[in-house]
Protein backbone atom coordinates (compact mmCIF):
# COMPACT_ATOMS: atom_id res chain seq x y z
CA MET A 1 109.45 -150.76 80.24
CA SER A 2 109.69 -153.46 83.21
CA ILE A 3 113.11 -155.08 83.49
CA LEU A 4 113.15 -158.70 84.53
CA CYS A 5 116.26 -160.69 85.80
CA ILE A 6 116.49 -164.42 85.75
CA ALA A 7 118.73 -165.31 88.65
CA ASN A 8 119.80 -167.70 91.07
CA GLN A 9 123.52 -168.63 92.62
CA LYS A 10 123.15 -171.96 91.71
CA GLY A 11 124.04 -173.20 88.11
CA GLY A 12 122.38 -175.61 86.16
CA VAL A 13 118.86 -174.74 87.19
CA GLY A 14 117.53 -173.51 83.79
CA LYS A 15 118.33 -170.33 83.94
CA THR A 16 119.24 -169.51 80.33
CA THR A 17 116.65 -172.00 78.95
CA THR A 18 113.82 -169.54 81.33
CA ALA A 19 115.44 -166.61 80.10
CA VAL A 20 115.74 -167.43 76.32
CA ASN A 21 112.01 -168.76 75.94
CA LEU A 22 110.54 -166.41 78.05
CA ALA A 23 111.55 -163.30 76.02
CA ALA A 24 110.78 -165.41 73.00
CA GLY A 25 107.41 -166.20 74.21
CA LEU A 26 106.78 -162.08 75.33
CA ALA A 27 107.82 -161.18 72.06
CA ARG A 28 105.22 -164.15 69.98
CA ARG A 29 102.71 -162.13 72.19
CA GLY A 30 103.42 -159.14 70.47
CA HIS A 31 105.62 -157.54 73.08
CA LYS A 32 108.95 -155.76 71.96
CA THR A 33 111.37 -157.43 74.11
CA LEU A 34 114.94 -157.23 74.50
CA LEU A 35 117.23 -160.11 75.93
CA VAL A 36 120.68 -159.20 77.55
CA ASP A 37 123.11 -161.75 77.79
CA LEU A 38 124.90 -160.80 81.28
CA ASP A 39 126.48 -164.88 81.75
CA ILE A 40 130.32 -164.89 80.66
CA GLN A 41 129.46 -168.40 79.51
CA GLY A 42 127.19 -166.16 76.61
CA SER A 43 124.69 -169.16 76.55
CA ALA A 44 121.98 -167.31 75.67
CA THR A 45 123.80 -165.54 72.61
CA ALA A 46 124.31 -168.97 71.30
CA THR A 47 121.45 -170.07 71.37
CA LEU A 48 119.83 -167.55 69.28
CA GLY A 49 122.57 -168.06 66.41
CA VAL A 50 124.52 -164.75 67.03
CA ARG A 51 128.16 -165.12 66.93
CA LEU A 52 130.15 -162.13 67.04
CA LYS A 53 133.12 -161.38 65.11
CA GLU A 54 136.46 -160.14 66.63
CA GLY A 55 136.06 -156.48 67.47
CA ASP A 56 132.10 -156.89 67.12
CA PRO A 57 130.58 -154.83 70.23
CA SER A 58 128.93 -156.40 72.91
CA VAL A 59 127.41 -155.57 76.36
CA ALA A 60 130.98 -155.87 78.04
CA GLU A 61 131.67 -152.93 76.03
CA CYS A 62 128.58 -151.31 76.80
CA LEU A 63 129.61 -151.71 80.46
CA VAL A 64 133.29 -150.73 80.64
CA HIS A 65 132.78 -147.55 78.68
CA GLU A 66 129.06 -146.78 79.93
CA ARG A 67 127.57 -146.71 76.25
CA GLN A 68 124.12 -147.08 75.90
CA ILE A 69 122.95 -150.59 75.23
CA GLU A 70 120.93 -149.68 71.96
CA HIS A 71 124.31 -149.36 70.05
CA VAL A 72 124.76 -153.66 70.36
CA ILE A 73 121.20 -154.51 69.96
CA ARG A 74 120.88 -156.61 67.11
CA GLU A 75 117.61 -158.70 65.40
CA THR A 76 116.85 -162.20 66.16
CA GLY A 77 115.14 -165.05 63.88
CA THR A 78 111.95 -164.37 65.95
CA GLU A 79 109.98 -161.36 65.47
CA ASN A 80 109.89 -158.60 68.01
CA LEU A 81 112.66 -160.32 70.02
CA PHE A 82 116.12 -158.43 70.19
CA LEU A 83 119.40 -159.70 71.71
CA ALA A 84 122.20 -157.35 73.41
CA PRO A 85 124.61 -160.35 72.98
CA ALA A 86 127.57 -161.15 75.45
CA GLY A 87 130.93 -161.37 74.40
CA GLU A 88 134.33 -163.01 74.97
CA THR A 89 135.52 -159.78 77.19
CA LEU A 90 132.38 -159.88 79.42
CA ALA A 91 134.50 -162.40 81.58
CA ALA A 92 137.19 -159.26 82.57
CA VAL A 93 134.18 -156.79 83.19
CA ASP A 94 133.69 -157.42 86.82
CA ILE A 95 137.07 -156.26 87.08
CA HIS A 96 136.47 -152.87 85.27
CA LEU A 97 133.40 -152.36 87.11
CA ALA A 98 135.48 -152.47 90.55
CA THR A 99 136.54 -149.39 90.03
CA ALA A 100 133.43 -147.18 88.33
CA MET A 101 131.79 -144.81 90.22
CA ALA A 102 128.06 -146.42 91.71
CA ARG A 103 129.63 -149.55 90.42
CA GLU A 104 126.14 -151.19 91.31
CA HIS A 105 124.27 -149.27 89.26
CA VAL A 106 126.42 -149.38 85.51
CA PHE A 107 123.87 -151.37 83.83
CA SER A 108 120.71 -149.30 85.01
CA ARG A 109 122.65 -146.43 83.18
CA ILE A 110 123.53 -148.25 80.35
CA VAL A 111 119.70 -149.27 79.75
CA SER A 112 118.23 -145.59 80.76
CA THR A 113 117.21 -144.38 77.49
CA LEU A 114 115.43 -147.52 75.95
CA GLY A 115 112.63 -146.20 77.64
CA ASP A 116 109.26 -146.96 75.63
CA LYS A 117 111.73 -148.64 72.64
CA VAL A 118 110.77 -152.07 74.29
CA ASP A 119 108.25 -153.40 76.64
CA TYR A 120 110.29 -155.61 78.40
CA VAL A 121 113.93 -156.65 79.19
CA VAL A 122 115.01 -159.86 80.32
CA VAL A 123 118.56 -160.56 81.98
CA ASP A 124 119.99 -163.80 81.77
CA THR A 125 123.00 -163.84 84.77
CA ALA A 126 125.83 -165.37 85.57
CA PRO A 127 125.52 -168.33 88.53
CA TYR A 128 127.55 -166.24 91.07
CA LEU A 129 127.13 -162.98 92.69
CA GLY A 130 129.62 -160.91 90.74
CA LEU A 131 129.35 -157.04 90.02
CA LEU A 132 127.57 -158.34 86.59
CA THR A 133 124.89 -160.41 88.58
CA THR A 134 124.67 -157.61 91.51
CA ASN A 135 124.18 -154.80 88.51
CA ALA A 136 121.13 -156.98 86.74
CA LEU A 137 119.39 -157.46 90.20
CA VAL A 138 119.91 -153.59 91.36
CA ALA A 139 118.15 -152.62 87.84
CA ALA A 140 115.72 -155.09 87.61
CA ASP A 141 112.45 -154.45 88.40
CA HIS A 142 111.24 -157.65 89.22
CA ILE A 143 113.28 -160.88 89.60
CA LEU A 144 112.44 -164.63 88.71
CA VAL A 145 114.25 -167.53 90.41
CA PRO A 146 113.93 -170.64 88.84
CA VAL A 147 115.13 -173.58 90.91
CA SER A 148 115.50 -177.51 89.86
CA CYS A 149 113.82 -179.93 91.54
CA GLU A 150 116.89 -180.93 93.84
CA TYR A 151 118.23 -180.53 97.21
CA LEU A 152 121.32 -178.28 96.11
CA PRO A 153 119.26 -175.73 94.59
CA ILE A 154 117.15 -175.25 97.64
CA LEU A 155 119.79 -175.31 99.94
CA GLY A 156 120.88 -171.79 98.54
CA LEU A 157 117.73 -169.82 98.40
CA LYS A 158 118.16 -168.76 102.21
CA LEU A 159 121.19 -167.10 101.19
CA PHE A 160 119.93 -165.77 97.95
CA GLY A 161 116.97 -164.15 99.83
CA GLU A 162 119.29 -162.47 102.43
CA THR A 163 121.93 -161.17 99.65
CA LEU A 164 118.44 -159.03 98.10
CA ALA A 165 117.81 -158.16 101.73
CA ARG A 166 120.90 -156.68 101.86
CA MET A 167 120.41 -155.19 98.02
CA ARG A 168 117.49 -153.41 99.50
CA THR A 169 118.92 -151.62 102.17
CA ARG A 170 122.23 -150.70 101.32
CA LEU A 171 121.45 -150.19 97.51
CA SER A 172 117.96 -149.06 97.59
CA ALA A 173 117.33 -151.93 94.89
CA ARG A 174 113.57 -153.12 94.49
CA CYS A 175 114.36 -156.72 94.26
CA ASP A 176 111.09 -157.47 93.87
CA VAL A 177 110.77 -161.53 93.21
CA LEU A 178 107.90 -161.81 90.98
CA GLY A 179 108.18 -165.90 91.34
CA TYR A 180 110.00 -169.19 92.01
CA LEU A 181 110.01 -170.95 89.11
CA LEU A 182 110.06 -174.94 89.53
CA THR A 183 112.26 -176.51 86.79
CA MET A 184 113.63 -179.74 85.56
CA TYR A 185 110.10 -181.23 87.15
CA ASP A 186 109.66 -184.94 86.87
CA ARG A 187 106.55 -186.19 89.18
CA ARG A 188 108.19 -189.83 88.68
CA GLU A 189 111.03 -189.24 90.91
CA LYS A 190 110.46 -189.07 94.69
CA ILE A 191 112.96 -186.16 95.10
CA THR A 192 110.87 -183.79 92.75
CA THR A 193 107.68 -184.10 95.10
CA GLU A 194 109.92 -183.61 98.11
CA VAL A 195 111.25 -180.47 96.80
CA GLU A 196 108.33 -179.26 95.68
CA LYS A 197 106.75 -179.69 99.14
CA ILE A 198 109.37 -177.65 100.65
CA ILE A 199 109.87 -175.11 98.42
CA ARG A 200 105.74 -174.60 98.20
CA ARG A 201 105.57 -174.70 101.72
CA ASN A 202 108.13 -171.92 102.14
CA PHE A 203 107.38 -169.48 99.66
CA GLY A 204 103.57 -170.35 99.27
CA ALA A 205 101.78 -168.03 96.41
CA ALA A 206 105.33 -166.81 95.31
CA VAL A 207 106.20 -170.17 93.56
CA PHE A 208 104.49 -170.39 90.25
CA PRO A 209 101.74 -172.77 90.22
CA ASP A 210 102.93 -174.12 86.80
CA THR A 211 106.18 -175.86 86.31
CA ILE A 212 108.65 -176.54 83.40
CA ARG A 213 108.95 -180.31 83.18
CA VAL A 214 112.06 -182.76 82.10
CA ASN A 215 112.53 -182.35 78.67
CA THR A 216 115.07 -183.68 76.24
CA ARG A 217 114.29 -180.66 73.64
CA HIS A 218 115.30 -178.18 76.24
CA LYS A 219 118.91 -179.65 75.61
CA ALA A 220 118.45 -180.52 72.00
CA ALA A 221 117.03 -176.53 70.92
CA PRO A 222 120.00 -174.58 71.54
CA SER A 223 122.56 -176.58 69.33
CA HIS A 224 120.08 -176.09 66.41
CA LYS A 225 120.02 -172.23 67.38
CA LYS A 226 116.38 -171.93 68.29
CA THR A 227 113.74 -171.52 71.07
CA ILE A 228 111.59 -174.31 72.40
CA PHE A 229 109.09 -172.20 70.17
CA GLU A 230 110.62 -173.04 66.98
CA PHE A 231 112.09 -176.39 68.04
CA GLU A 232 109.16 -178.09 68.82
CA PRO A 233 105.63 -178.88 67.46
CA LYS A 234 102.58 -177.38 69.23
CA SER A 235 101.75 -180.07 70.86
CA GLY A 236 105.15 -179.86 72.95
CA LYS A 237 105.02 -180.01 76.38
CA GLY A 238 108.19 -177.58 76.25
CA ARG A 239 106.32 -175.26 74.31
CA SER A 240 103.14 -176.00 76.87
CA ASP A 241 104.96 -174.86 79.70
CA TYR A 242 106.63 -171.85 78.60
CA GLU A 243 103.48 -170.14 77.28
CA LYS A 244 102.08 -171.01 80.66
CA LEU A 245 104.85 -169.15 82.67
CA VAL A 246 104.56 -166.21 79.94
CA ASP A 247 100.62 -166.28 81.05
CA GLY A 248 101.74 -166.34 84.61
CA VAL A 249 104.31 -163.70 84.24
CA LEU A 250 102.38 -161.07 82.42
CA ALA A 251 99.59 -161.88 85.03
CA ARG A 252 101.26 -160.82 88.16
CA LEU A 253 102.79 -158.35 86.03
CA ASP A 254 99.93 -156.71 85.77
CA GLU A 255 98.76 -157.32 89.02
CA ARG A 256 101.93 -155.56 90.31
CA ALA A 257 101.76 -153.05 87.88
CA ARG A 258 98.00 -151.99 88.88
CA SER A 259 98.75 -152.04 92.59
CA ALA A 260 101.94 -149.93 92.41
CA GLU A 261 102.03 -146.09 91.68
CA ARG A 262 104.50 -145.59 88.67
CA LEU A 263 106.80 -141.84 88.42
CA PRO A 264 107.26 -140.76 84.47
CA GLN A 265 110.36 -141.21 83.17
CA VAL A 266 112.32 -139.04 81.03
CA VAL A 267 113.34 -140.83 77.48
CA HIS A 268 116.16 -139.61 75.78
CA ASP A 269 115.92 -141.11 72.08
CA VAL A 270 119.09 -142.91 71.03
CA PRO A 271 119.03 -144.15 67.62
CA SER A 272 119.36 -148.10 66.98
CA VAL A 273 117.95 -151.05 65.49
CA LEU A 274 114.95 -150.93 67.51
CA ASP A 275 113.89 -147.64 65.81
CA SER A 276 113.12 -149.01 62.43
CA HIS A 277 110.65 -151.21 64.65
CA ARG A 278 108.69 -148.77 66.30
């Protein structure tokens, strides 16, 4: 199992769009994938058409009561894609985490029993570095950073990098940046090429070679409760861009896996909706 965190301190850079469609793309390749919605706005949950009734359990309850995440996982309309939904109470979780023992590692603990039940966990995060996002970053094996082609998002990348460095030192977190992804890419605009030059000059090969182009269908798909793969025809540029991202992510993960020494993990079985798909 590999945990991929989609994160950036700046909002409006395409985190949720990337989290949902990367997870869906991995699932379409036959990889059992869990999308965890840790954004208090619950946009990933809404995009996949999951509505929680009053009293329905969500990730929030798992974090507050340290209950294993298997208990809230739901199936989606995409084969092999599962969702751990956000709920209305997620907004208050930061307050509860503040008093938890080893508070930055609570999320790591609630996903610890997933083991070989899923291949990938993709985590959508909020655009601020509260305890929720910190928990996701600490638990992550790899971090993917979407950056929209505007000036403001790139200003925060230095601060974000410093934050990751502190987490590596103080919390013993891996915080391995799998790559920076240029989003909302429109070569017709001068700002796009200027931002691309800055990002590629500063981060080099860490920047994914392919970009996510501006596409109105990315805005429309959530209103239809669909991923870009369900909403757009095969010839669509949105589908093409995310297929290329999936290719790039898998290639980089394979490269990391071949170069890293991994210790065996003890897996404890917990009954869940995933068991029927093993």
